[in-house]
Amino acid sequence: MLFAWRLTNAEIEKLKQQLAIYQTARAAYARALSEELPKKEVH
C-alpha cells in the first residue's frame, strides 16, 4: 500500500511539473499572439 501511495504522489508531482510547463508555454504564446494582432484604438 505504501508503494502505491508513493507512486501516486510521484505521478502527481510529475503532472504538476508538466502542467507548469504547458501553462508557461500558453502564456508565451498568448503574449506573442497579442503582439501580432492589430491594436484596438479607443475612441
PDB file of N, CA and C in Angstrom:
ATOM      1  N   MET A   1       0.814  -1.192   0.000  1.00  0.00           N
ATOM      2  CA  MET A   1       0.000   0.000   0.000  1.00  0.00           C
ATOM      3  C   MET A   1       0.868   1.272   0.000  1.00  0.00           C
ATOM      4  N   LEU A   2       1.941   1.264   0.776  1.00  0.00           N
ATOM      5  CA  LEU A   2       2.838   2.416   0.829  1.00  0.00           C
ATOM      6  C   LEU A   2       3.469   2.678  -0.535  1.00  0.00           C
ATOM      7  N   PHE A   3       3.813   1.604  -1.237  1.00  0.00           N
ATOM      8  CA  PHE A   3       4.397   1.748  -2.577  1.00  0.00           C
ATOM      9  C   PHE A   3       3.414   2.450  -3.512  1.00  0.00           C
ATOM     10  N   ALA A   4       2.158   2.049  -3.479  1.00  0.00           N
ATOM     11  CA  ALA A   4       1.137   2.657  -4.342  1.00  0.00           C
ATOM     12  C   ALA A   4       0.965   4.132  -4.007  1.00  0.00           C
ATOM     13  N   TRP A   5       0.999   4.472  -2.713  1.00  0.00           N
ATOM     14  CA  TRP A   5       0.862   5.863  -2.286  1.00  0.00           C
ATOM     15  C   TRP A   5       2.028   6.698  -2.796  1.00  0.00           C
ATOM     16  N   ARG A   6       3.243   6.168  -2.653  1.00  0.00           N
ATOM     17  CA  ARG A   6       4.432   6.887  -3.135  1.00  0.00           C
ATOM     18  C   ARG A   6       4.412   7.037  -4.656  1.00  0.00           C
ATOM     19  N   LEU A   7       4.004   5.986  -5.331  1.00  0.00           N
ATOM     20  CA  LEU A   7       3.923   6.029  -6.791  1.00  0.00           C
ATOM     21  C   LEU A   7       2.911   7.078  -7.239  1.00  0.00           C
ATOM     22  N   THR A   8       1.783   7.120  -6.563  1.00  0.00           N
ATOM     23  CA  THR A   8       0.750   8.102  -6.892  1.00  0.00           C
ATOM     24  C   THR A   8       1.253   9.516  -6.654  1.00  0.00           C
ATOM     25  N   ASN A   9       1.910   9.736  -5.529  1.00  0.00           N
ATOM     26  CA  ASN A   9       2.464  11.064  -5.254  1.00  0.00           C
ATOM     27  C   ASN A   9       3.511  11.464  -6.286  1.00  0.00           C
ATOM     28  N   ALA A  10       4.346  10.543  -6.675  1.00  0.00           N
ATOM     29  CA  ALA A  10       5.372  10.832  -7.682  1.00  0.00           C
ATOM     30  C   ALA A  10       4.718  11.197  -9.010  1.00  0.00           C
ATOM     31  N   GLU A  11       3.663  10.486  -9.375  1.00  0.00           N
ATOM     32  CA  GLU A  11       2.962  10.778 -10.635  1.00  0.00           C
ATOM     33  C   GLU A  11       2.289  12.147 -10.568  1.00  0.00           C
ATOM     34  N   ILE A  12       1.708  12.478  -9.436  1.00  0.00           N
ATOM     35  CA  ILE A  12       1.083  13.796  -9.273  1.00  0.00           C
ATOM     36  C   ILE A  12       2.126  14.898  -9.413  1.00  0.00           C
ATOM     37  N   GLU A  13       3.290  14.722  -8.814  1.00  0.00           N
ATOM     38  CA  GLU A  13       4.351  15.725  -8.938  1.00  0.00           C
ATOM     39  C   GLU A  13       4.816  15.868 -10.375  1.00  0.00           C
ATOM     40  N   LYS A  14       4.918  14.755 -11.082  1.00  0.00           N
ATOM     41  CA  LYS A  14       5.310  14.797 -12.491  1.00  0.00           C
ATOM     42  C   LYS A  14       4.269  15.563 -13.306  1.00  0.00           C
ATOM     43  N   LEU A  15       3.008  15.312 -13.026  1.00  0.00           N
ATOM     44  CA  LEU A  15       1.942  16.006 -13.741  1.00  0.00           C
ATOM     45  C   LEU A  15       1.922  17.499 -13.418  1.00  0.00           C
ATOM     46  N   LYS A  16       2.212  17.848 -12.177  1.00  0.00           N
ATOM     47  CA  LYS A  16       2.293  19.265 -11.801  1.00  0.00           C
ATOM     48  C   LYS A  16       3.396  19.967 -12.576  1.00  0.00           C
ATOM     49  N   GLN A  17       4.524  19.292 -12.735  1.00  0.00           N
ATOM     50  CA  GLN A  17       5.634  19.871 -13.496  1.00  0.00           C
ATOM     51  C   GLN A  17       5.253  20.052 -14.963  1.00  0.00           C
ATOM     52  N   GLN A  18       4.584  19.052 -15.530  1.00  0.00           N
ATOM     53  CA  GLN A  18       4.146  19.156 -16.924  1.00  0.00           C
ATOM     54  C   GLN A  18       3.139  20.281 -17.079  1.00  0.00           C
ATOM     55  N   LEU A  19       2.218  20.401 -16.131  1.00  0.00           N
ATOM     56  CA  LEU A  19       1.229  21.471 -16.184  1.00  0.00           C
ATOM     57  C   LEU A  19       1.898  22.838 -16.137  1.00  0.00           C
ATOM     58  N   ALA A  20       2.891  22.989 -15.298  1.00  0.00           N
ATOM     59  CA  ALA A  20       3.614  24.260 -15.213  1.00  0.00           C
ATOM     60  C   ALA A  20       4.293  24.591 -16.542  1.00  0.00           C
ATOM     61  N   ILE A  21       4.855  23.591 -17.195  1.00  0.00           N
ATOM     62  CA  ILE A  21       5.488  23.793 -18.499  1.00  0.00           C
ATOM     63  C   ILE A  21       4.456  24.252 -19.520  1.00  0.00           C
ATOM     64  N   TYR A  22       3.301  23.573 -19.557  1.00  0.00           N
ATOM     65  CA  TYR A  22       2.257  23.936 -20.521  1.00  0.00           C
ATOM     66  C   TYR A  22       1.670  25.312 -20.234  1.00  0.00           C
ATOM     67  N   GLN A  23       1.507  25.657 -18.961  1.00  0.00           N
ATOM     68  CA  GLN A  23       0.975  26.973 -18.629  1.00  0.00           C
ATOM     69  C   GLN A  23       1.951  28.073 -19.022  1.00  0.00           C
ATOM     70  N   THR A  24       3.231  27.829 -18.843  1.00  0.00           N
ATOM     71  CA  THR A  24       4.242  28.796 -19.255  1.00  0.00           C
ATOM     72  C   THR A  24       4.227  28.965 -20.771  1.00  0.00           C
ATOM     73  N   ALA A  25       4.133  27.862 -21.487  1.00  0.00           N
ATOM     74  CA  ALA A  25       4.082  27.929 -22.946  1.00  0.00           C
ATOM     75  C   ALA A  25       2.833  28.668 -23.413  1.00  0.00           C
ATOM     76  N   ARG A  26       1.693  28.381 -22.785  1.00  0.00           N
ATOM     77  CA  ARG A  26       0.449  29.051 -23.165  1.00  0.00           C
ATOM     78  C   ARG A  26       0.568  30.554 -22.969  1.00  0.00           C
ATOM     79  N   ALA A  27       1.155  30.966 -21.853  1.00  0.00           N
ATOM     80  CA  ALA A  27       1.330  32.396 -21.591  1.00  0.00           C
ATOM     81  C   ALA A  27       2.243  33.031 -22.634  1.00  0.00           C
ATOM     82  N   ALA A  28       3.301  32.328 -23.006  1.00  0.00           N
ATOM     83  CA  ALA A  28       4.221  32.854 -24.023  1.00  0.00           C
ATOM     84  C   ALA A  28       3.532  32.965 -25.378  1.00  0.00           C
ATOM     85  N   TYR A  29       2.738  31.952 -25.728  1.00  0.00           N
ATOM     86  CA  TYR A  29       2.007  32.009 -26.999  1.00  0.00           C
ATOM     87  C   TYR A  29       0.986  33.146 -26.993  1.00  0.00           C
ATOM     88  N   ALA A  30       0.293  33.322 -25.883  1.00  0.00           N
ATOM     89  CA  ALA A  30      -0.692  34.403 -25.788  1.00  0.00           C
ATOM     90  C   ALA A  30      -0.024  35.766 -25.907  1.00  0.00           C
ATOM     91  N   ARG A  31       1.133  35.922 -25.262  1.00  0.00           N
ATOM     92  CA  ARG A  31       1.862  37.190 -25.336  1.00  0.00           C
ATOM     93  C   ARG A  31       2.317  37.456 -26.777  1.00  0.00           C
ATOM     94  N   ALA A  32       2.861  36.435 -27.427  1.00  0.00           N
ATOM     95  CA  ALA A  32       3.320  36.598 -28.810  1.00  0.00           C
ATOM     96  C   ALA A  32       2.150  36.906 -29.736  1.00  0.00           C
ATOM     97  N   LEU A  33       1.034  36.236 -29.512  1.00  0.00           N
ATOM     98  CA  LEU A  33      -0.137  36.474 -30.352  1.00  0.00           C
ATOM     99  C   LEU A  33      -0.662  37.890 -30.165  1.00  0.00           C
ATOM    100  N   SER A  34      -0.702  38.364 -28.932  1.00  0.00           N
ATOM    101  CA  SER A  34      -1.202  39.719 -28.688  1.00  0.00           C
ATOM    102  C   SER A  34      -0.307  40.761 -29.340  1.00  0.00           C
ATOM    103  N   GLU A  35       0.972  40.462 -29.461  1.00  0.00           N
ATOM    104  CA  GLU A  35       1.894  41.395 -30.124  1.00  0.00           C
ATOM    105  C   GLU A  35       1.683  41.407 -31.632  1.00  0.00           C
ATOM    106  N   GLU A  36       1.198  40.305 -32.191  1.00  0.00           N
ATOM    107  CA  GLU A  36       0.975  40.224 -33.633  1.00  0.00           C
ATOM    108  C   GLU A  36      -0.377  40.790 -34.069  1.00  0.00           C
ATOM    109  N   LEU A  37      -1.341  40.792 -33.161  1.00  0.00           N
ATOM    110  CA  LEU A  37      -2.681  41.266 -33.520  1.00  0.00           C
ATOM    111  C   LEU A  37      -2.688  42.786 -33.589  1.00  0.00           C
ATOM    112  N   PRO A  38      -3.529  43.334 -34.467  1.00  0.00           N
ATOM    113  CA  PRO A  38      -3.605  44.802 -34.537  1.00  0.00           C
ATOM    114  C   PRO A  38      -4.153  45.351 -33.223  1.00  0.00           C
ATOM    115  N   LYS A  39      -3.644  46.502 -32.858  1.00  0.00           N
ATOM    116  CA  LYS A  39      -4.066  47.147 -31.613  1.00  0.00           C
ATOM    117  C   LYS A  39      -5.423  47.834 -31.824  1.00  0.00           C
ATOM    118  N   LYS A  40      -6.292  47.718 -30.832  1.00  0.00           N
ATOM    119  CA  LYS A  40      -7.584  48.413 -30.890  1.00  0.00           C
ATOM    120  C   LYS A  40      -7.373  49.855 -30.462  1.00  0.00           C
ATOM    121  N   GLU A  41      -8.016  50.761 -31.178  1.00  0.00           N
ATOM    122  CA  GLU A  41      -7.958  52.159 -30.795  1.00  0.00           C
ATOM    123  C   GLU A  41      -9.179  52.470 -29.964  1.00  0.00           C
ATOM    124  N   VAL A  42      -8.973  53.173 -28.880  1.00  0.00           N
ATOM    125  CA  VAL A  42     -10.082  53.570 -28.008  1.00  0.00           C
ATOM    126  C   VAL A  42     -10.528  54.959 -28.420  1.00  0.00           C
ATOM    127  N   HIS A  43     -11.841  55.119 -28.691  1.00  0.00           N
ATOM    128  CA  HIS A  43     -12.373  56.427 -29.116  1.00  0.00           C
ATOM    129  C   HIS A  43     -13.118  57.077 -27.994  1.00  0.00           C
TER     130      HIS A  43
END
